[in-house]
């Protein structure tokens, strides 16, 4: 019975992604080069502008300057951006 109550509470608190649309547009409409990222592989913390950029792709790849593992991938298509940040333990975005 407790599992059912917990499930109902989770359902009541859940919203779709539209609930965070304002926050998402605020986050990605800012200067990103000074935002910190921590590499999942080696723990090196770097500003995004300090990562190694590879731009000969249909987007770009940012790699850790210490271990050279991929931190962030962005693919740009005519109608969308695809973001893969699984190489970052976190991205620190300072609120203005």
N, C-alpha and C. Protein backbone atom coordinates (compact mmCIF):
# COMPACT_ATOMS: atom_id res chain seq x y z
N UNK A 1 0.82 -1.19 0.00
CA UNK A 1 0.00 0.00 0.00
C UNK A 1 0.87 1.26 0.00
N UNK A 2 2.00 1.23 0.71
CA UNK A 2 2.89 2.38 0.76
C UNK A 2 3.44 2.71 -0.62
N UNK A 3 3.75 1.68 -1.43
CA UNK A 3 4.24 1.90 -2.78
C UNK A 3 3.21 2.62 -3.64
N UNK A 4 1.95 2.29 -3.47
CA UNK A 4 0.88 2.94 -4.24
C UNK A 4 0.77 4.40 -3.84
N UNK A 5 0.83 4.70 -2.55
CA UNK A 5 0.77 6.08 -2.09
C UNK A 5 1.97 6.88 -2.59
N UNK A 6 3.16 6.30 -2.55
CA UNK A 6 4.36 6.97 -3.05
C UNK A 6 4.23 7.24 -4.54
N UNK A 7 3.71 6.28 -5.29
CA UNK A 7 3.52 6.45 -6.73
C UNK A 7 2.53 7.57 -7.02
N UNK A 8 1.44 7.63 -6.28
CA UNK A 8 0.44 8.69 -6.45
C UNK A 8 1.05 10.06 -6.14
N UNK A 9 1.88 10.15 -5.10
CA UNK A 9 2.53 11.41 -4.74
C UNK A 9 3.48 11.84 -5.85
N UNK A 10 4.27 10.90 -6.38
CA UNK A 10 5.17 11.21 -7.49
C UNK A 10 4.40 11.71 -8.70
N UNK A 11 3.28 11.07 -9.02
CA UNK A 11 2.45 11.50 -10.14
C UNK A 11 1.92 12.92 -9.91
N UNK A 12 1.51 13.22 -8.70
CA UNK A 12 0.97 14.55 -8.40
C UNK A 12 2.02 15.64 -8.52
N UNK A 13 3.26 15.32 -8.20
CA UNK A 13 4.33 16.31 -8.26
C UNK A 13 4.95 16.44 -9.65
N UNK A 14 4.69 15.48 -10.53
CA UNK A 14 5.32 15.45 -11.84
C UNK A 14 4.65 16.43 -12.80
N UNK A 15 5.50 17.13 -13.57
CA UNK A 15 5.03 18.02 -14.63
C UNK A 15 5.77 17.66 -15.89
N UNK A 16 5.32 18.16 -17.04
CA UNK A 16 6.07 17.91 -18.25
C UNK A 16 7.15 18.97 -18.41
N UNK A 17 7.99 18.81 -19.41
CA UNK A 17 9.11 19.70 -19.62
C UNK A 17 8.74 21.15 -19.85
N UNK A 18 7.51 21.43 -20.26
CA UNK A 18 7.09 22.81 -20.46
C UNK A 18 7.16 23.62 -19.17
N UNK A 19 7.10 22.96 -18.04
CA UNK A 19 7.15 23.66 -16.75
C UNK A 19 8.51 24.32 -16.51
N UNK A 20 9.56 23.86 -17.18
CA UNK A 20 10.89 24.44 -17.00
C UNK A 20 11.37 25.21 -18.22
N UNK A 21 10.47 25.51 -19.14
CA UNK A 21 10.85 26.20 -20.38
C UNK A 21 11.54 27.53 -20.11
N UNK A 22 11.02 28.30 -19.17
CA UNK A 22 11.63 29.59 -18.85
C UNK A 22 13.04 29.44 -18.32
N UNK A 23 13.24 28.48 -17.44
CA UNK A 23 14.57 28.24 -16.88
C UNK A 23 15.53 27.76 -17.97
N UNK A 24 15.07 26.87 -18.83
CA UNK A 24 15.95 26.38 -19.90
C UNK A 24 16.38 27.51 -20.83
N UNK A 25 15.45 28.39 -21.18
CA UNK A 25 15.84 29.49 -22.07
C UNK A 25 16.76 30.47 -21.35
N UNK A 26 16.58 30.63 -20.05
CA UNK A 26 17.47 31.48 -19.26
C UNK A 26 18.88 30.89 -19.20
N UNK A 27 18.97 29.59 -19.01
CA UNK A 27 20.27 28.92 -18.90
C UNK A 27 21.06 29.01 -20.19
N UNK A 28 20.45 28.73 -21.31
CA UNK A 28 21.19 28.67 -22.56
C UNK A 28 21.23 29.99 -23.31
N UNK A 29 20.72 31.03 -22.77
CA UNK A 29 20.83 32.36 -23.38
C UNK A 29 21.82 33.19 -22.58
N UNK A 30 22.95 32.59 -22.25
CA UNK A 30 23.96 33.27 -21.44
C UNK A 30 25.34 32.98 -21.98
N UNK A 31 26.29 33.74 -21.53
CA UNK A 31 27.70 33.51 -21.87
C UNK A 31 28.14 32.20 -21.24
N UNK A 32 28.53 31.24 -22.06
CA UNK A 32 28.86 29.91 -21.55
C UNK A 32 30.36 29.68 -21.38
N UNK A 33 31.21 30.48 -22.01
CA UNK A 33 32.64 30.18 -21.99
C UNK A 33 33.26 30.28 -20.60
N UNK A 34 32.65 31.03 -19.69
CA UNK A 34 33.17 31.14 -18.34
C UNK A 34 32.52 30.16 -17.37
N UNK A 35 31.56 29.38 -17.85
CA UNK A 35 30.89 28.38 -17.01
C UNK A 35 31.82 27.19 -16.79
N UNK A 36 31.85 26.70 -15.57
CA UNK A 36 32.71 25.58 -15.22
C UNK A 36 32.08 24.24 -15.56
N UNK A 37 32.91 23.30 -15.98
CA UNK A 37 32.50 21.91 -16.19
C UNK A 37 33.54 21.03 -15.51
N UNK A 38 33.09 19.92 -14.97
CA UNK A 38 34.01 18.95 -14.38
C UNK A 38 33.96 17.68 -15.20
N UNK A 39 35.11 17.22 -15.64
CA UNK A 39 35.23 16.02 -16.45
C UNK A 39 34.87 14.79 -15.62
N UNK A 40 33.99 13.95 -16.16
CA UNK A 40 33.61 12.72 -15.48
C UNK A 40 34.80 11.78 -15.35
N UNK A 41 35.64 11.74 -16.36
CA UNK A 41 36.74 10.77 -16.41
C UNK A 41 37.86 11.06 -15.42
N UNK A 42 38.30 12.33 -15.35
CA UNK A 42 39.48 12.61 -14.52
C UNK A 42 39.24 13.62 -13.40
N UNK A 43 38.08 14.28 -13.39
CA UNK A 43 37.77 15.23 -12.32
C UNK A 43 38.33 16.63 -12.54
N UNK A 44 39.00 16.87 -13.67
CA UNK A 44 39.54 18.21 -13.95
C UNK A 44 38.38 19.19 -14.14
N UNK A 45 38.47 20.32 -13.46
CA UNK A 45 37.49 21.38 -13.62
C UNK A 45 38.06 22.44 -14.54
N UNK A 46 37.28 22.82 -15.55
CA UNK A 46 37.72 23.81 -16.53
C UNK A 46 36.55 24.69 -16.92
N UNK A 47 36.87 25.93 -17.26
CA UNK A 47 35.85 26.76 -17.88
C UNK A 47 35.57 26.18 -19.26
N UNK A 48 34.35 26.34 -19.74
CA UNK A 48 33.99 25.80 -21.05
C UNK A 48 34.93 26.34 -22.12
N UNK A 49 35.33 27.60 -21.99
CA UNK A 49 36.25 28.19 -22.94
C UNK A 49 37.64 27.59 -22.89
N UNK A 50 37.96 26.88 -21.83
CA UNK A 50 39.27 26.25 -21.68
C UNK A 50 39.31 24.81 -22.14
N UNK A 51 38.16 24.28 -22.55
CA UNK A 51 38.12 22.91 -23.08
C UNK A 51 38.66 22.91 -24.50
N UNK A 52 39.04 21.77 -24.99
CA UNK A 52 39.57 21.63 -26.34
C UNK A 52 38.40 21.50 -27.31
N UNK A 53 38.31 22.40 -28.28
CA UNK A 53 37.18 22.42 -29.20
C UNK A 53 37.55 21.80 -30.53
N UNK A 54 36.69 20.92 -31.00
CA UNK A 54 36.82 20.32 -32.32
C UNK A 54 35.58 20.71 -33.11
N UNK A 55 35.76 21.52 -34.13
CA UNK A 55 34.61 22.12 -34.82
C UNK A 55 34.45 21.64 -36.26
N UNK A 56 35.22 20.66 -36.70
CA UNK A 56 35.07 20.13 -38.04
C UNK A 56 34.03 19.01 -38.06
N UNK A 57 32.90 19.29 -37.48
CA UNK A 57 31.78 18.35 -37.40
C UNK A 57 30.51 19.13 -37.69
N UNK A 58 29.38 18.45 -37.80
CA UNK A 58 28.12 19.19 -37.95
C UNK A 58 27.68 19.79 -36.61
N UNK A 59 28.56 20.39 -35.91
CA UNK A 59 28.37 20.95 -34.58
C UNK A 59 29.74 21.11 -33.98
N UNK A 60 29.93 20.62 -32.75
CA UNK A 60 31.26 20.66 -32.15
C UNK A 60 31.39 19.65 -31.03
N UNK A 61 32.63 19.34 -30.69
CA UNK A 61 32.96 18.45 -29.59
C UNK A 61 33.93 19.20 -28.70
N UNK A 62 33.69 19.20 -27.40
CA UNK A 62 34.59 19.80 -26.42
C UNK A 62 35.21 18.68 -25.59
N UNK A 63 36.53 18.69 -25.50
CA UNK A 63 37.25 17.65 -24.77
C UNK A 63 38.00 18.24 -23.58
N UNK A 64 38.22 17.42 -22.59
CA UNK A 64 38.97 17.79 -21.39
C UNK A 64 40.42 18.09 -21.77
N UNK A 65 40.97 19.20 -21.29
CA UNK A 65 42.37 19.51 -21.62
C UNK A 65 43.36 18.59 -20.90
N UNK A 66 42.93 17.90 -19.85
CA UNK A 66 43.83 17.03 -19.10
C UNK A 66 43.87 15.62 -19.68
N UNK A 67 42.71 14.97 -19.80
CA UNK A 67 42.68 13.56 -20.23
C UNK A 67 42.20 13.38 -21.66
N UNK A 68 41.72 14.45 -22.28
CA UNK A 68 41.27 14.46 -23.68
C UNK A 68 39.96 13.71 -23.91
N UNK A 69 39.27 13.27 -22.86
CA UNK A 69 37.96 12.64 -23.05
C UNK A 69 36.91 13.68 -23.42
N UNK A 70 35.86 13.23 -24.08
CA UNK A 70 34.79 14.13 -24.50
C UNK A 70 33.98 14.58 -23.28
N UNK A 71 33.79 15.88 -23.14
CA UNK A 71 32.98 16.46 -22.08
C UNK A 71 31.60 16.82 -22.62
N UNK A 72 31.54 17.41 -23.81
CA UNK A 72 30.29 17.91 -24.37
C UNK A 72 30.30 17.76 -25.88
N UNK A 73 29.17 17.31 -26.43
CA UNK A 73 28.96 17.25 -27.88
C UNK A 73 27.70 18.04 -28.19
N UNK A 74 27.76 18.82 -29.24
CA UNK A 74 26.59 19.51 -29.74
C UNK A 74 26.52 19.27 -31.24
N UNK A 75 25.40 18.78 -31.71
CA UNK A 75 25.15 18.58 -33.13
C UNK A 75 24.06 19.57 -33.54
N UNK A 76 24.30 20.24 -34.65
CA UNK A 76 23.35 21.23 -35.15
C UNK A 76 22.75 20.71 -36.44
N UNK A 77 21.44 20.63 -36.50
CA UNK A 77 20.74 20.27 -37.71
C UNK A 77 19.91 21.47 -38.15
N UNK A 78 19.34 21.44 -39.33
CA UNK A 78 18.54 22.60 -39.76
C UNK A 78 17.38 22.95 -38.82
N UNK A 79 16.89 21.95 -38.09
CA UNK A 79 15.73 22.23 -37.24
C UNK A 79 15.93 21.94 -35.76
N UNK A 80 17.16 21.57 -35.34
CA UNK A 80 17.34 21.23 -33.92
C UNK A 80 18.80 21.28 -33.51
N UNK A 81 19.01 21.36 -32.21
CA UNK A 81 20.32 21.20 -31.59
C UNK A 81 20.25 19.93 -30.76
N UNK A 82 21.29 19.11 -30.81
CA UNK A 82 21.37 17.91 -30.00
C UNK A 82 22.56 18.09 -29.06
N UNK A 83 22.30 17.96 -27.76
CA UNK A 83 23.30 18.18 -26.73
C UNK A 83 23.55 16.88 -25.98
N UNK A 84 24.82 16.49 -25.89
CA UNK A 84 25.22 15.32 -25.14
C UNK A 84 26.28 15.77 -24.14
N UNK A 85 25.91 15.84 -22.87
CA UNK A 85 26.82 16.32 -21.83
C UNK A 85 27.17 15.22 -20.84
N UNK A 86 27.10 13.96 -21.27
CA UNK A 86 27.36 12.87 -20.33
C UNK A 86 28.82 12.80 -19.90
N UNK A 87 29.70 13.52 -20.58
CA UNK A 87 31.10 13.56 -20.18
C UNK A 87 31.38 14.60 -19.10
N UNK A 88 30.36 15.36 -18.73
CA UNK A 88 30.50 16.36 -17.67
C UNK A 88 29.81 15.86 -16.41
N UNK A 89 30.53 15.88 -15.32
CA UNK A 89 29.91 15.54 -14.05
C UNK A 89 28.86 16.59 -13.72
N UNK A 90 29.20 17.84 -14.05
CA UNK A 90 28.25 18.94 -13.92
C UNK A 90 28.69 20.09 -14.81
N UNK A 91 27.78 20.99 -15.09
CA UNK A 91 28.08 22.29 -15.71
C UNK A 91 27.61 23.33 -14.71
N UNK A 92 28.46 24.26 -14.35
CA UNK A 92 28.10 25.30 -13.39
C UNK A 92 27.79 26.57 -14.16
N UNK A 93 26.53 27.00 -14.09
CA UNK A 93 26.06 28.18 -14.80
C UNK A 93 25.69 29.24 -13.78
N UNK A 94 26.43 30.34 -13.79
CA UNK A 94 26.22 31.41 -12.82
C UNK A 94 25.01 32.25 -13.24
N UNK A 95 24.09 32.46 -12.32
CA UNK A 95 22.91 33.29 -12.60
C UNK A 95 23.33 34.74 -12.60
N UNK A 96 22.81 35.47 -13.54
CA UNK A 96 23.10 36.90 -13.67
C UNK A 96 22.06 37.71 -12.93
